[in-house]
Amino acid sequence: MWRCFATGFLAGGVYLFDEPEAALSPVRQIECLQSVREAEKTGGRAVCHRDPFPFCLAYPGATLLYLTPFGLMEHPFQQTEHFQVLGEFYKAPEDFMNTIFDE
């Protein structure tokens, strides 16, 4: 997967990634987003992620869609569970860990 980002995207391609962050460090995630931005500047591409990595949630101009019983619904990234849970962790890691372990 990293090779796709490192070597560039084909013109007019649509790319679907399933949990790409699983094998990427935060620095590599940022590099991936920089590659997406470069591809976007040279003609635009569609990149879709399932269970997007944290940095991807805030990608400028991104649309986040969730499949619900009522169809696809758009959500601002700040309202996603992923963003909220990580935000709580980063604000107070020790308190977060104590809460999840009931301590």
N, C-alpha and C. Protein backbone atom coordinates (compact mmCIF):
# COMPACT_ATOMS: atom_id res chain seq x y z
N MET A 1 0.82 -1.18 0.00
CA MET A 1 0.00 0.00 0.00
C MET A 1 0.87 1.25 0.00
N TRP A 2 1.91 1.25 0.82
CA TRP A 2 2.79 2.41 0.87
C TRP A 2 3.39 2.69 -0.50
N ARG A 3 3.69 1.63 -1.26
CA ARG A 3 4.29 1.80 -2.58
C ARG A 3 3.39 2.65 -3.49
N CYS A 4 2.10 2.45 -3.38
CA CYS A 4 1.14 3.23 -4.17
C CYS A 4 1.31 4.71 -3.88
N PHE A 5 1.43 5.05 -2.61
CA PHE A 5 1.61 6.45 -2.24
C PHE A 5 2.99 6.96 -2.64
N ALA A 6 4.00 6.14 -2.44
CA ALA A 6 5.38 6.56 -2.68
C ALA A 6 5.67 6.76 -4.17
N THR A 7 5.05 5.96 -5.03
CA THR A 7 5.34 6.04 -6.46
C THR A 7 4.35 6.90 -7.22
N GLY A 8 3.30 7.32 -6.58
CA GLY A 8 2.32 8.19 -7.22
C GLY A 8 1.09 7.43 -7.70
N PHE A 9 0.12 8.19 -8.10
CA PHE A 9 -1.16 7.65 -8.54
C PHE A 9 -1.28 7.77 -10.05
N LEU A 10 -2.04 6.88 -10.65
CA LEU A 10 -2.30 6.96 -12.09
C LEU A 10 -3.35 8.03 -12.35
N ALA A 11 -3.24 8.68 -13.49
CA ALA A 11 -4.18 9.74 -13.84
C ALA A 11 -5.61 9.22 -13.87
N GLY A 12 -6.50 9.97 -13.26
CA GLY A 12 -7.91 9.63 -13.29
C GLY A 12 -8.31 8.43 -12.47
N GLY A 13 -7.41 7.93 -11.65
CA GLY A 13 -7.71 6.73 -10.87
C GLY A 13 -8.62 6.98 -9.68
N VAL A 14 -9.30 5.93 -9.28
CA VAL A 14 -10.08 5.92 -8.05
C VAL A 14 -9.43 4.87 -7.16
N TYR A 15 -9.07 5.24 -5.96
CA TYR A 15 -8.34 4.34 -5.06
C TYR A 15 -9.15 4.08 -3.81
N LEU A 16 -9.31 2.81 -3.50
CA LEU A 16 -10.04 2.40 -2.30
C LEU A 16 -9.06 1.72 -1.36
N PHE A 17 -9.03 2.16 -0.11
CA PHE A 17 -8.12 1.58 0.87
C PHE A 17 -8.92 1.11 2.08
N ASP A 18 -8.63 -0.09 2.52
CA ASP A 18 -9.30 -0.67 3.68
C ASP A 18 -8.33 -0.63 4.86
N GLU A 19 -8.58 0.28 5.79
CA GLU A 19 -7.75 0.45 6.98
C GLU A 19 -6.27 0.62 6.64
N PRO A 20 -5.93 1.63 5.83
CA PRO A 20 -4.53 1.80 5.43
C PRO A 20 -3.61 2.17 6.57
N GLU A 21 -4.17 2.73 7.64
CA GLU A 21 -3.33 3.17 8.74
C GLU A 21 -2.75 2.02 9.55
N ALA A 22 -3.28 0.82 9.38
CA ALA A 22 -2.86 -0.32 10.20
C ALA A 22 -1.36 -0.55 10.13
N ALA A 23 -0.76 -0.34 8.98
CA ALA A 23 0.67 -0.62 8.82
C ALA A 23 1.51 0.65 8.73
N LEU A 24 0.91 1.80 9.02
CA LEU A 24 1.64 3.05 8.85
C LEU A 24 1.83 3.80 10.16
N SER A 25 3.03 4.29 10.37
CA SER A 25 3.29 5.16 11.52
C SER A 25 2.61 6.51 11.26
N PRO A 26 2.47 7.33 12.30
CA PRO A 26 1.89 8.66 12.07
C PRO A 26 2.65 9.47 11.01
N VAL A 27 3.97 9.37 11.00
CA VAL A 27 4.75 10.11 9.99
C VAL A 27 4.42 9.61 8.59
N ARG A 28 4.31 8.30 8.42
CA ARG A 28 3.95 7.73 7.10
C ARG A 28 2.53 8.13 6.71
N GLN A 29 1.62 8.21 7.69
CA GLN A 29 0.26 8.65 7.40
C GLN A 29 0.27 10.07 6.83
N ILE A 30 1.09 10.94 7.42
CA ILE A 30 1.20 12.31 6.94
C ILE A 30 1.79 12.32 5.53
N GLU A 31 2.80 11.50 5.30
CA GLU A 31 3.40 11.42 3.96
C GLU A 31 2.37 10.93 2.94
N CYS A 32 1.52 10.01 3.33
CA CYS A 32 0.46 9.53 2.43
C CYS A 32 -0.48 10.66 2.06
N LEU A 33 -0.87 11.45 3.04
CA LEU A 33 -1.76 12.57 2.76
C LEU A 33 -1.08 13.60 1.86
N GLN A 34 0.21 13.79 2.03
CA GLN A 34 0.94 14.70 1.15
C GLN A 34 0.94 14.18 -0.29
N SER A 35 1.04 12.86 -0.45
CA SER A 35 0.97 12.26 -1.79
C SER A 35 -0.41 12.43 -2.40
N VAL A 36 -1.44 12.27 -1.58
CA VAL A 36 -2.81 12.48 -2.07
C VAL A 36 -2.97 13.93 -2.53
N ARG A 37 -2.46 14.86 -1.75
CA ARG A 37 -2.56 16.28 -2.10
C ARG A 37 -1.83 16.57 -3.42
N GLU A 38 -0.65 16.01 -3.58
CA GLU A 38 0.10 16.20 -4.83
C GLU A 38 -0.68 15.64 -6.02
N ALA A 39 -1.28 14.47 -5.85
CA ALA A 39 -2.08 13.88 -6.92
C ALA A 39 -3.27 14.77 -7.25
N GLU A 40 -3.86 15.32 -6.22
CA GLU A 40 -5.01 16.20 -6.40
C GLU A 40 -4.63 17.45 -7.21
N LYS A 41 -3.45 17.96 -6.97
CA LYS A 41 -2.98 19.16 -7.68
C LYS A 41 -2.73 18.90 -9.16
N THR A 42 -2.51 17.64 -9.53
CA THR A 42 -2.19 17.32 -10.93
C THR A 42 -3.35 16.66 -11.65
N GLY A 43 -4.56 17.00 -11.29
CA GLY A 43 -5.69 16.49 -12.05
C GLY A 43 -6.78 15.85 -11.24
N GLY A 44 -6.59 15.73 -9.98
CA GLY A 44 -7.66 15.22 -9.13
C GLY A 44 -7.83 13.72 -9.19
N ARG A 45 -8.01 13.14 -8.05
CA ARG A 45 -8.23 11.70 -7.90
C ARG A 45 -9.27 11.51 -6.80
N ALA A 46 -9.85 10.37 -6.77
CA ALA A 46 -10.76 10.02 -5.68
C ALA A 46 -10.07 8.98 -4.82
N VAL A 47 -9.95 9.25 -3.56
CA VAL A 47 -9.35 8.32 -2.61
C VAL A 47 -10.38 8.05 -1.53
N CYS A 48 -10.74 6.80 -1.37
CA CYS A 48 -11.74 6.42 -0.37
C CYS A 48 -11.09 5.50 0.65
N HIS A 49 -11.33 5.79 1.91
CA HIS A 49 -10.79 4.97 2.99
C HIS A 49 -11.96 4.41 3.80
N ARG A 50 -11.84 3.15 4.18
CA ARG A 50 -12.77 2.59 5.14
C ARG A 50 -12.08 2.72 6.48
N ASP A 51 -12.79 3.21 7.47
CA ASP A 51 -12.21 3.41 8.80
C ASP A 51 -10.97 4.28 8.67
N PRO A 52 -11.16 5.56 8.28
CA PRO A 52 -10.02 6.41 7.95
C PRO A 52 -9.08 6.65 9.12
N PHE A 53 -7.81 6.81 8.81
CA PHE A 53 -6.85 7.12 9.85
C PHE A 53 -7.06 8.56 10.32
N PRO A 54 -6.65 8.86 11.53
CA PRO A 54 -7.00 10.14 12.16
C PRO A 54 -6.69 11.38 11.32
N PHE A 55 -5.53 11.43 10.70
CA PHE A 55 -5.19 12.62 9.93
C PHE A 55 -6.10 12.77 8.72
N CYS A 56 -6.56 11.67 8.18
CA CYS A 56 -7.42 11.70 7.00
C CYS A 56 -8.77 12.35 7.31
N LEU A 57 -9.23 12.20 8.53
CA LEU A 57 -10.52 12.78 8.91
C LEU A 57 -10.58 14.28 8.65
N ALA A 58 -9.48 14.97 8.85
CA ALA A 58 -9.45 16.42 8.73
C ALA A 58 -8.91 16.90 7.38
N TYR A 59 -8.79 16.00 6.41
CA TYR A 59 -8.26 16.39 5.11
C TYR A 59 -9.11 17.52 4.52
N PRO A 60 -8.48 18.62 4.08
CA PRO A 60 -9.24 19.76 3.55
C PRO A 60 -10.15 19.36 2.39
N GLY A 61 -11.40 19.69 2.52
CA GLY A 61 -12.37 19.41 1.47
C GLY A 61 -12.91 17.99 1.46
N ALA A 62 -12.48 17.16 2.40
CA ALA A 62 -12.95 15.77 2.44
C ALA A 62 -14.41 15.72 2.85
N THR A 63 -15.10 14.72 2.33
CA THR A 63 -16.47 14.44 2.74
C THR A 63 -16.47 13.10 3.43
N LEU A 64 -16.94 13.07 4.67
CA LEU A 64 -17.00 11.82 5.43
C LEU A 64 -18.42 11.30 5.38
N LEU A 65 -18.57 10.09 4.86
CA LEU A 65 -19.89 9.48 4.74
C LEU A 65 -19.97 8.23 5.60
N TYR A 66 -21.09 8.07 6.26
CA TYR A 66 -21.33 6.89 7.08
C TYR A 66 -22.56 6.18 6.56
N LEU A 67 -22.48 4.87 6.49
CA LEU A 67 -23.62 4.06 6.08
C LEU A 67 -24.50 3.84 7.29
N THR A 68 -25.73 4.30 7.21
CA THR A 68 -26.69 4.17 8.31
C THR A 68 -27.92 3.42 7.81
N PRO A 69 -28.84 3.06 8.70
CA PRO A 69 -30.08 2.42 8.24
C PRO A 69 -30.88 3.31 7.28
N PHE A 70 -30.58 4.61 7.27
CA PHE A 70 -31.30 5.55 6.42
C PHE A 70 -30.51 5.92 5.16
N GLY A 71 -29.41 5.23 4.92
CA GLY A 71 -28.58 5.51 3.76
C GLY A 71 -27.29 6.20 4.18
N LEU A 72 -26.60 6.77 3.20
CA LEU A 72 -25.35 7.47 3.49
C LEU A 72 -25.64 8.81 4.14
N MET A 73 -24.93 9.09 5.22
CA MET A 73 -25.09 10.36 5.93
C MET A 73 -23.72 11.01 6.05
N GLU A 74 -23.67 12.30 5.83
CA GLU A 74 -22.42 13.05 5.95
C GLU A 74 -22.24 13.51 7.40
N HIS A 75 -20.99 13.44 7.88
CA HIS A 75 -20.67 13.87 9.24
C HIS A 75 -19.43 14.76 9.22
N PRO A 76 -19.45 15.88 9.95
CA PRO A 76 -18.20 16.63 10.13
C PRO A 76 -17.22 15.77 10.92
N PHE A 77 -15.93 15.88 10.64
CA PHE A 77 -14.97 15.00 11.29
C PHE A 77 -14.96 15.16 12.80
N GLN A 78 -15.27 16.37 13.29
CA GLN A 78 -15.27 16.58 14.74
C GLN A 78 -16.37 15.79 15.44
N GLN A 79 -17.37 15.36 14.72
CA GLN A 79 -18.47 14.60 15.32
C GLN A 79 -18.29 13.09 15.21
N THR A 80 -17.20 12.65 14.61
CA THR A 80 -16.99 11.21 14.49
C THR A 80 -16.54 10.64 15.82
N GLU A 81 -16.93 9.43 16.06
CA GLU A 81 -16.52 8.74 17.29
C GLU A 81 -14.99 8.66 17.36
N HIS A 82 -14.38 8.37 16.24
CA HIS A 82 -12.93 8.24 16.17
C HIS A 82 -12.25 9.51 16.68
N PHE A 83 -12.67 10.66 16.17
CA PHE A 83 -12.09 11.94 16.56
C PHE A 83 -12.34 12.23 18.03
N GLN A 84 -13.55 11.98 18.49
CA GLN A 84 -13.90 12.28 19.88
C GLN A 84 -13.13 11.41 20.87
N VAL A 85 -13.02 10.12 20.58
CA VAL A 85 -12.30 9.22 21.49
C VAL A 85 -10.82 9.58 21.53
N LEU A 86 -10.20 9.79 20.37
CA LEU A 86 -8.79 10.17 20.36
C LEU A 86 -8.57 11.52 21.05
N GLY A 87 -9.51 12.44 20.87
CA GLY A 87 -9.41 13.75 21.53
C GLY A 87 -9.39 13.61 23.04
N GLU A 88 -10.28 12.76 23.56
CA GLU A 88 -10.30 12.53 25.01
C GLU A 88 -8.99 11.91 25.48
N PHE A 89 -8.47 10.98 24.72
CA PHE A 89 -7.20 10.35 25.08
C PHE A 89 -6.07 11.38 25.11
N TYR A 90 -5.96 12.19 24.06
CA TYR A 90 -4.86 13.14 23.98
C TYR A 90 -4.96 14.25 25.03
N LYS A 91 -6.18 14.63 25.42
CA LYS A 91 -6.33 15.66 26.46
C LYS A 91 -5.78 15.20 27.80
N ALA A 92 -6.05 13.95 28.16
CA ALA A 92 -5.64 13.45 29.48
C ALA A 92 -5.44 11.94 29.40
N PRO A 93 -4.29 11.48 28.90
CA PRO A 93 -4.06 10.04 28.72
C PRO A 93 -4.24 9.21 29.98
N GLU A 94 -3.73 9.69 31.11
CA GLU A 94 -3.84 8.91 32.34
C GLU A 94 -5.29 8.79 32.79
N ASP A 95 -6.02 9.91 32.74
CA ASP A 95 -7.44 9.88 33.11
C ASP A 95 -8.22 8.96 32.18
N PHE A 96 -7.91 9.03 30.90
CA PHE A 96 -8.58 8.19 29.91
C PHE A 96 -8.38 6.71 30.24
N MET A 97 -7.13 6.34 30.51
CA MET A 97 -6.84 4.94 30.82
C MET A 97 -7.51 4.51 32.12
N ASN A 98 -7.51 5.38 33.11
CA ASN A 98 -8.20 5.05 34.37
C ASN A 98 -9.69 4.85 34.14
N THR A 99 -10.28 5.67 33.29
CA THR A 99 -11.71 5.55 33.00
C THR A 99 -12.03 4.23 32.30
N ILE A 100 -11.23 3.87 31.30
CA ILE A 100 -11.58 2.63 30.58
C ILE A 100 -11.34 1.39 31.42
N PHE A 101 -10.48 1.51 32.43
CA PHE A 101 -10.23 0.36 33.31
C PHE A 101 -10.96 0.49 34.64
N ASP A 102 -11.87 1.48 34.74
CA ASP A 102 -12.65 1.70 35.97
C ASP A 102 -11.77 1.87 37.19
N GLU A 103 -10.73 2.62 37.07
CA GLU A 103 -9.82 2.82 38.21
C GLU A 103 -9.83 4.26 38.66
